[in-house]
Amino acid sequence: MTTTIKVSDGLRDRLKAQAARDGLTLGAHLARLADADDRARRLSDLKAAIADTSVKDAAFYVAETTEWERAELTDMTA
């Protein structure tokens, strides 16, 4: 299904030029822009979550990760 969206002529021309530059249809280009925005938001949310992590929880994470890595290395040498 397709639909019409209203944008200024200038924006439409800009988007079409960007799409053509990369050999994409306008729809594929818009999908790529939406995907990039979704990714940027996920990374921003992750950055905020990391910043909000307590020192205690961060230390627990490091200890648990170290334990798992040690177990994997032990398995490889057995």
PDB file of N, CA and C in Angstrom:
ATOM      1  N   MET A   1       0.838  -1.166   0.000  1.00  0.00           N
ATOM      2  CA  MET A   1       0.000   0.000   0.000  1.00  0.00           C
ATOM      3  C   MET A   1       0.891   1.241   0.000  1.00  0.00           C
ATOM      4  N   THR A   2       0.538   2.204  -0.756  1.00  0.00           N
ATOM      5  CA  THR A   2       1.287   3.452  -0.790  1.00  0.00           C
ATOM      6  C   THR A   2       0.384   4.572  -0.307  1.00  0.00           C
ATOM      7  N   THR A   3       1.010   5.651   0.077  1.00  0.00           N
ATOM      8  CA  THR A   3       0.263   6.799   0.556  1.00  0.00           C
ATOM      9  C   THR A   3       0.996   8.066   0.131  1.00  0.00           C
ATOM     10  N   THR A   4       0.319   9.159   0.247  1.00  0.00           N
ATOM     11  CA  THR A   4       0.909  10.449  -0.084  1.00  0.00           C
ATOM     12  C   THR A   4       1.220  11.186   1.204  1.00  0.00           C
ATOM     13  N   ILE A   5       2.401  11.774   1.258  1.00  0.00           N
ATOM     14  CA  ILE A   5       2.736  12.625   2.386  1.00  0.00           C
ATOM     15  C   ILE A   5       2.990  14.022   1.848  1.00  0.00           C
ATOM     16  N   LYS A   6       2.641  15.010   2.640  1.00  0.00           N
ATOM     17  CA  LYS A   6       2.809  16.389   2.197  1.00  0.00           C
ATOM     18  C   LYS A   6       4.101  16.950   2.773  1.00  0.00           C
ATOM     19  N   VAL A   7       4.982  17.329   1.867  1.00  0.00           N
ATOM     20  CA  VAL A   7       6.230  17.995   2.232  1.00  0.00           C
ATOM     21  C   VAL A   7       6.429  19.140   1.250  1.00  0.00           C
ATOM     22  N   SER A   8       7.271  20.065   1.633  1.00  0.00           N
ATOM     23  CA  SER A   8       7.535  21.187   0.727  1.00  0.00           C
ATOM     24  C   SER A   8       8.262  20.668  -0.519  1.00  0.00           C
ATOM     25  N   ASP A   9       8.152  21.423  -1.593  1.00  0.00           N
ATOM     26  CA  ASP A   9       8.846  21.040  -2.823  1.00  0.00           C
ATOM     27  C   ASP A   9      10.352  20.955  -2.583  1.00  0.00           C
ATOM     28  N   GLY A  10      10.882  21.869  -1.793  1.00  0.00           N
ATOM     29  CA  GLY A  10      12.310  21.867  -1.519  1.00  0.00           C
ATOM     30  C   GLY A  10      12.756  20.605  -0.800  1.00  0.00           C
ATOM     31  N   LEU A  11      11.978  20.195   0.197  1.00  0.00           N
ATOM     32  CA  LEU A  11      12.325  18.977   0.937  1.00  0.00           C
ATOM     33  C   LEU A  11      12.189  17.762   0.034  1.00  0.00           C
ATOM     34  N   ARG A  12      11.136  17.707  -0.749  1.00  0.00           N
ATOM     35  CA  ARG A  12      10.948  16.586  -1.677  1.00  0.00           C
ATOM     36  C   ARG A  12      12.131  16.470  -2.623  1.00  0.00           C
ATOM     37  N   ASP A  13      12.553  17.601  -3.172  1.00  0.00           N
ATOM     38  CA  ASP A  13      13.678  17.584  -4.109  1.00  0.00           C
ATOM     39  C   ASP A  13      14.968  17.146  -3.426  1.00  0.00           C
ATOM     40  N   ARG A  14      15.162  17.605  -2.191  1.00  0.00           N
ATOM     41  CA  ARG A  14      16.340  17.197  -1.427  1.00  0.00           C
ATOM     42  C   ARG A  14      16.360  15.691  -1.192  1.00  0.00           C
ATOM     43  N   LEU A  15      15.231  15.156  -0.750  1.00  0.00           N
ATOM     44  CA  LEU A  15      15.130  13.722  -0.490  1.00  0.00           C
ATOM     45  C   LEU A  15      15.332  12.901  -1.761  1.00  0.00           C
ATOM     46  N   LYS A  16      14.743  13.356  -2.858  1.00  0.00           N
ATOM     47  CA  LYS A  16      14.909  12.644  -4.129  1.00  0.00           C
ATOM     48  C   LYS A  16      16.363  12.666  -4.579  1.00  0.00           C
ATOM     49  N   ALA A  17      17.036  13.798  -4.396  1.00  0.00           N
ATOM     50  CA  ALA A  17      18.451  13.890  -4.782  1.00  0.00           C
ATOM     51  C   ALA A  17      19.305  12.973  -3.919  1.00  0.00           C
ATOM     52  N   GLN A  18      19.015  12.925  -2.624  1.00  0.00           N
ATOM     53  CA  GLN A  18      19.759  12.028  -1.733  1.00  0.00           C
ATOM     54  C   GLN A  18      19.540  10.576  -2.139  1.00  0.00           C
ATOM     55  N   ALA A  19      18.301  10.232  -2.419  1.00  0.00           N
ATOM     56  CA  ALA A  19      17.983   8.854  -2.822  1.00  0.00           C
ATOM     57  C   ALA A  19      18.701   8.501  -4.118  1.00  0.00           C
ATOM     58  N   ALA A  20      18.644   9.397  -5.088  1.00  0.00           N
ATOM     59  CA  ALA A  20      19.284   9.140  -6.383  1.00  0.00           C
ATOM     60  C   ALA A  20      20.794   8.994  -6.226  1.00  0.00           C
ATOM     61  N   ARG A  21      21.386   9.807  -5.374  1.00  0.00           N
ATOM     62  CA  ARG A  21      22.832   9.750  -5.131  1.00  0.00           C
ATOM     63  C   ARG A  21      23.254   8.352  -4.683  1.00  0.00           C
ATOM     64  N   ASP A  22      22.400   7.707  -3.904  1.00  0.00           N
ATOM     65  CA  ASP A  22      22.710   6.376  -3.376  1.00  0.00           C
ATOM     66  C   ASP A  22      22.044   5.254  -4.164  1.00  0.00           C
ATOM     67  N   GLY A  23      21.415   5.595  -5.277  1.00  0.00           N
ATOM     68  CA  GLY A  23      20.782   4.583  -6.121  1.00  0.00           C
ATOM     69  C   GLY A  23      19.566   3.939  -5.482  1.00  0.00           C
ATOM     70  N   LEU A  24      18.836   4.713  -4.665  1.00  0.00           N
ATOM     71  CA  LEU A  24      17.660   4.193  -3.969  1.00  0.00           C
ATOM     72  C   LEU A  24      16.392   4.848  -4.485  1.00  0.00           C
ATOM     73  N   THR A  25      15.288   4.158  -4.269  1.00  0.00           N
ATOM     74  CA  THR A  25      14.001   4.799  -4.488  1.00  0.00           C
ATOM     75  C   THR A  25      13.768   5.752  -3.316  1.00  0.00           C
ATOM     76  N   LEU A  26      12.840   6.657  -3.486  1.00  0.00           N
ATOM     77  CA  LEU A  26      12.530   7.576  -2.396  1.00  0.00           C
ATOM     78  C   LEU A  26      12.004   6.797  -1.189  1.00  0.00           C
ATOM     79  N   GLY A  27      11.194   5.798  -1.413  1.00  0.00           N
ATOM     80  CA  GLY A  27      10.676   4.979  -0.307  1.00  0.00           C
ATOM     81  C   GLY A  27      11.789   4.263   0.438  1.00  0.00           C
ATOM     82  N   ALA A  28      12.747   3.689  -0.291  1.00  0.00           N
ATOM     83  CA  ALA A  28      13.874   3.001   0.352  1.00  0.00           C
ATOM     84  C   ALA A  28      14.734   3.987   1.135  1.00  0.00           C
ATOM     85  N   HIS A  29      14.898   5.182   0.583  1.00  0.00           N
ATOM     86  CA  HIS A  29      15.679   6.202   1.281  1.00  0.00           C
ATOM     87  C   HIS A  29      14.983   6.617   2.576  1.00  0.00           C
ATOM     88  N   LEU A  30      13.677   6.818   2.518  1.00  0.00           N
ATOM     89  CA  LEU A  30      12.934   7.184   3.728  1.00  0.00           C
ATOM     90  C   LEU A  30      13.004   6.068   4.772  1.00  0.00           C
ATOM     91  N   ALA A  31      12.943   4.825   4.320  1.00  0.00           N
ATOM     92  CA  ALA A  31      13.064   3.693   5.252  1.00  0.00           C
ATOM     93  C   ALA A  31      14.442   3.702   5.912  1.00  0.00           C
ATOM     94  N   ARG A  32      15.475   3.984   5.127  1.00  0.00           N
ATOM     95  CA  ARG A  32      16.830   4.044   5.676  1.00  0.00           C
ATOM     96  C   ARG A  32      16.955   5.169   6.696  1.00  0.00           C
ATOM     97  N   LEU A  33      16.350   6.321   6.407  1.00  0.00           N
ATOM     98  CA  LEU A  33      16.369   7.430   7.362  1.00  0.00           C
ATOM     99  C   LEU A  33      15.636   7.057   8.652  1.00  0.00           C
ATOM    100  N   ALA A  34      14.501   6.385   8.528  1.00  0.00           N
ATOM    101  CA  ALA A  34      13.742   5.961   9.709  1.00  0.00           C
ATOM    102  C   ALA A  34      14.543   4.946  10.521  1.00  0.00           C
ATOM    103  N   ASP A  35      15.203   4.013   9.836  1.00  0.00           N
ATOM    104  CA  ASP A  35      16.035   3.024  10.530  1.00  0.00           C
ATOM    105  C   ASP A  35      17.184   3.709  11.273  1.00  0.00           C
ATOM    106  N   ALA A  36      17.799   4.685  10.638  1.00  0.00           N
ATOM    107  CA  ALA A  36      18.910   5.402  11.274  1.00  0.00           C
ATOM    108  C   ALA A  36      18.427   6.152  12.515  1.00  0.00           C
ATOM    109  N   ASP A  37      17.247   6.739  12.437  1.00  0.00           N
ATOM    110  CA  ASP A  37      16.704   7.443  13.598  1.00  0.00           C
ATOM    111  C   ASP A  37      16.377   6.465  14.729  1.00  0.00           C
ATOM    112  N   ASP A  38      15.811   5.308  14.382  1.00  0.00           N
ATOM    113  CA  ASP A  38      15.531   4.288  15.399  1.00  0.00           C
ATOM    114  C   ASP A  38      16.820   3.853  16.087  1.00  0.00           C
ATOM    115  N   ARG A  39      17.864   3.636  15.308  1.00  0.00           N
ATOM    116  CA  ARG A  39      19.149   3.208  15.866  1.00  0.00           C
ATOM    117  C   ARG A  39      19.734   4.295  16.773  1.00  0.00           C
ATOM    118  N   ALA A  40      19.673   5.531  16.330  1.00  0.00           N
ATOM    119  CA  ALA A  40      20.202   6.633  17.144  1.00  0.00           C
ATOM    120  C   ALA A  40      19.468   6.719  18.478  1.00  0.00           C
ATOM    121  N   ARG A  41      18.156   6.503  18.453  1.00  0.00           N
ATOM    122  CA  ARG A  41      17.382   6.548  19.692  1.00  0.00           C
ATOM    123  C   ARG A  41      17.754   5.387  20.617  1.00  0.00           C
ATOM    124  N   ARG A  42      17.924   4.183  20.044  1.00  0.00           N
ATOM    125  CA  ARG A  42      18.324   3.036  20.869  1.00  0.00           C
ATOM    126  C   ARG A  42      19.683   3.283  21.519  1.00  0.00           C
ATOM    127  N   LEU A  43      20.616   3.814  20.753  1.00  0.00           N
ATOM    128  CA  LEU A  43      21.940   4.082  21.301  1.00  0.00           C
ATOM    129  C   LEU A  43      21.887   5.175  22.364  1.00  0.00           C
ATOM    130  N   SER A  44      21.053   6.174  22.161  1.00  0.00           N
ATOM    131  CA  SER A  44      20.885   7.233  23.158  1.00  0.00           C
ATOM    132  C   SER A  44      20.291   6.669  24.443  1.00  0.00           C
ATOM    133  N   ASP A  45      19.295   5.800  24.296  1.00  0.00           N
ATOM    134  CA  ASP A  45      18.689   5.158  25.465  1.00  0.00           C
ATOM    135  C   ASP A  45      19.712   4.292  26.200  1.00  0.00           C
ATOM    136  N   LEU A  46      20.542   3.573  25.448  1.00  0.00           N
ATOM    137  CA  LEU A  46      21.575   2.735  26.052  1.00  0.00           C
ATOM    138  C   LEU A  46      22.584   3.597  26.804  1.00  0.00           C
ATOM    139  N   LYS A  47      22.995   4.697  26.186  1.00  0.00           N
ATOM    140  CA  LYS A  47      23.941   5.605  26.841  1.00  0.00           C
ATOM    141  C   LYS A  47      23.371   6.130  28.159  1.00  0.00           C
ATOM    142  N   ALA A  48      22.092   6.490  28.150  1.00  0.00           N
ATOM    143  CA  ALA A  48      21.445   6.982  29.372  1.00  0.00           C
ATOM    144  C   ALA A  48      21.378   5.882  30.428  1.00  0.00           C
ATOM    145  N   ALA A  49      21.061   4.656  30.002  1.00  0.00           N
ATOM    146  CA  ALA A  49      20.979   3.542  30.950  1.00  0.00           C
ATOM    147  C   ALA A  49      22.346   3.266  31.568  1.00  0.00           C
ATOM    148  N   ILE A  50      23.394   3.323  30.759  1.00  0.00           N
ATOM    149  CA  ILE A  50      24.744   3.100  31.278  1.00  0.00           C
ATOM    150  C   ILE A  50      25.104   4.196  32.281  1.00  0.00           C
ATOM    151  N   ALA A  51      24.767   5.433  31.943  1.00  0.00           N
ATOM    152  CA  ALA A  51      25.065   6.557  32.839  1.00  0.00           C
ATOM    153  C   ALA A  51      24.312   6.424  34.165  1.00  0.00           C
ATOM    154  N   ASP A  52      23.124   5.821  34.126  1.00  0.00           N
ATOM    155  CA  ASP A  52      22.312   5.661  35.331  1.00  0.00           C
ATOM    156  C   ASP A  52      22.672   4.418  36.151  1.00  0.00           C
ATOM    157  N   THR A  53      23.594   3.588  35.649  1.00  0.00           N
ATOM    158  CA  THR A  53      23.976   2.364  36.342  1.00  0.00           C
ATOM    159  C   THR A  53      24.802   2.706  37.577  1.00  0.00           C
ATOM    160  N   SER A  54      24.418   2.126  38.681  1.00  0.00           N
ATOM    161  CA  SER A  54      25.144   2.390  39.923  1.00  0.00           C
ATOM    162  C   SER A  54      26.528   1.748  39.876  1.00  0.00           C
ATOM    163  N   VAL A  55      27.423   2.252  40.702  1.00  0.00           N
ATOM    164  CA  VAL A  55      28.776   1.695  40.799  1.00  0.00           C
ATOM    165  C   VAL A  55      28.698   0.222  41.218  1.00  0.00           C
ATOM    166  N   LYS A  56      27.797  -0.074  42.148  1.00  0.00           N
ATOM    167  CA  LYS A  56      27.634  -1.458  42.630  1.00  0.00           C
ATOM    168  C   LYS A  56      27.193  -2.381  41.493  1.00  0.00           C
ATOM    169  N   ASP A  57      26.194  -1.945  40.716  1.00  0.00           N
ATOM    170  CA  ASP A  57      25.722  -2.772  39.607  1.00  0.00           C
ATOM    171  C   ASP A  57      26.789  -2.924  38.522  1.00  0.00           C
ATOM    172  N   ALA A  58      27.545  -1.864  38.265  1.00  0.00           N
ATOM    173  CA  ALA A  58      28.614  -1.942  37.266  1.00  0.00           C
ATOM    174  C   ALA A  58      29.683  -2.932  37.710  1.00  0.00           C
ATOM    175  N   ALA A  59      30.028  -2.921  38.981  1.00  0.00           N
ATOM    176  CA  ALA A  59      31.022  -3.861  39.506  1.00  0.00           C
ATOM    177  C   ALA A  59      30.508  -5.299  39.406  1.00  0.00           C
ATOM    178  N   PHE A  60      29.224  -5.500  39.702  1.00  0.00           N
ATOM    179  CA  PHE A  60      28.622  -6.831  39.578  1.00  0.00           C
ATOM    180  C   PHE A  60      28.703  -7.310  38.136  1.00  0.00           C
ATOM    181  N   TYR A  61      28.412  -6.419  37.184  1.00  0.00           N
ATOM    182  CA  TYR A  61      28.464  -6.761  35.762  1.00  0.00           C
ATOM    183  C   TYR A  61      29.880  -7.191  35.364  1.00  0.00           C
ATOM    184  N   VAL A  62      30.873  -6.431  35.794  1.00  0.00           N
ATOM    185  CA  VAL A  62      32.263  -6.757  35.465  1.00  0.00           C
ATOM    186  C   VAL A  62      32.633  -8.126  36.044  1.00  0.00           C
ATOM    187  N   ALA A  63      32.264  -8.374  37.285  1.00  0.00           N
ATOM    188  CA  ALA A  63      32.589  -9.657  37.918  1.00  0.00           C
ATOM    189  C   ALA A  63      31.902 -10.809  37.193  1.00  0.00           C
ATOM    190  N   GLU A  64      30.641 -10.656  36.861  1.00  0.00           N
ATOM    191  CA  GLU A  64      29.913 -11.726  36.182  1.00  0.00           C
ATOM    192  C   GLU A  64      30.468 -11.965  34.777  1.00  0.00           C
ATOM    193  N   THR A  65      30.777 -10.893  34.056  1.00  0.00           N
ATOM    194  CA  THR A  65      31.343 -11.031  32.718  1.00  0.00           C
ATOM    195  C   THR A  65      32.684 -11.738  32.766  1.00  0.00           C
ATOM    196  N   THR A  66      33.513 -11.366  33.728  1.00  0.00           N
ATOM    197  CA  THR A  66      34.819 -12.008  33.893  1.00  0.00           C
ATOM    198  C   THR A  66      34.657 -13.497  34.154  1.00  0.00           C
ATOM    199  N   GLU A  67      33.694 -13.841  34.999  1.00  0.00           N
ATOM    200  CA  GLU A  67      33.442 -15.253  35.307  1.00  0.00           C
ATOM    201  C   GLU A  67      33.023 -16.029  34.058  1.00  0.00           C
ATOM    202  N   TRP A  68      32.123 -15.458  33.256  1.00  0.00           N
ATOM    203  CA  TRP A  68      31.678 -16.135  32.031  1.00  0.00           C
ATOM    204  C   TRP A  68      32.822 -16.275  31.034  1.00  0.00           C
ATOM    205  N   GLU A  69      33.634 -15.236  30.897  1.00  0.00           N
ATOM    206  CA  GLU A  69      34.756 -15.311  29.960  1.00  0.00           C
ATOM    207  C   GLU A  69      35.765 -16.358  30.403  1.00  0.00           C
ATOM    208  N   ARG A  70      36.026 -16.441  31.682  1.00  0.00           N
ATOM    209  CA  ARG A  70      36.948 -17.440  32.219  1.00  0.00           C
ATOM    210  C   ARG A  70      36.402 -18.846  31.943  1.00  0.00           C
ATOM    211  N   ALA A  71      35.112 -19.038  32.137  1.00  0.00           N
ATOM    212  CA  ALA A  71      34.490 -20.345  31.895  1.00  0.00           C
ATOM    213  C   ALA A  71      34.608 -20.718  30.420  1.00  0.00           C
ATOM    214  N   GLU A  72      34.398 -19.761  29.513  1.00  0.00           N
ATOM    215  CA  GLU A  72      34.501 -20.049  28.081  1.00  0.00           C
ATOM    216  C   GLU A  72      35.925 -20.410  27.705  1.00  0.00           C
ATOM    217  N   LEU A  73      36.908 -19.702  28.255  1.00  0.00           N
ATOM    218  CA  LEU A  73      38.307 -20.014  27.955  1.00  0.00           C
ATOM    219  C   LEU A  73      38.696 -21.381  28.511  1.00  0.00           C
ATOM    220  N   THR A  74      38.157 -21.734  29.664  1.00  0.00           N
ATOM    221  CA  THR A  74      38.433 -23.043  30.253  1.00  0.00           C
ATOM    222  C   THR A  74      37.859 -24.139  29.372  1.00  0.00           C
ATOM    223  N   ASP A  75      36.651 -23.924  28.874  1.00  0.00           N
ATOM    224  CA  ASP A  75      36.008 -24.905  27.996  1.00  0.00           C
ATOM    225  C   ASP A  75      36.828 -25.129  26.723  1.00  0.00           C
ATOM    226  N   MET A  76      37.464 -24.084  26.228  1.00  0.00           N
ATOM    227  CA  MET A  76      38.222 -24.182  24.984  1.00  0.00           C
ATOM    228  C   MET A  76      39.532 -24.964  25.172  1.00  0.00           C
ATOM    229  N   THR A  77      40.061 -24.972  26.368  1.00  0.00           N
ATOM    230  CA  THR A  77      41.323 -25.647  26.590  1.00  0.00           C
ATOM    231  C   THR A  77      41.146 -27.080  27.067  1.00  0.00           C
ATOM    232  N   ALA A  78      39.923 -27.474  27.353  1.00  0.00           N
ATOM    233  CA  ALA A  78      39.673 -28.820  27.889  1.00  0.00           C
ATOM    234  C   ALA A  78      39.674 -29.850  26.777  1.00  0.00           C
TER     235      ALA A  78
END
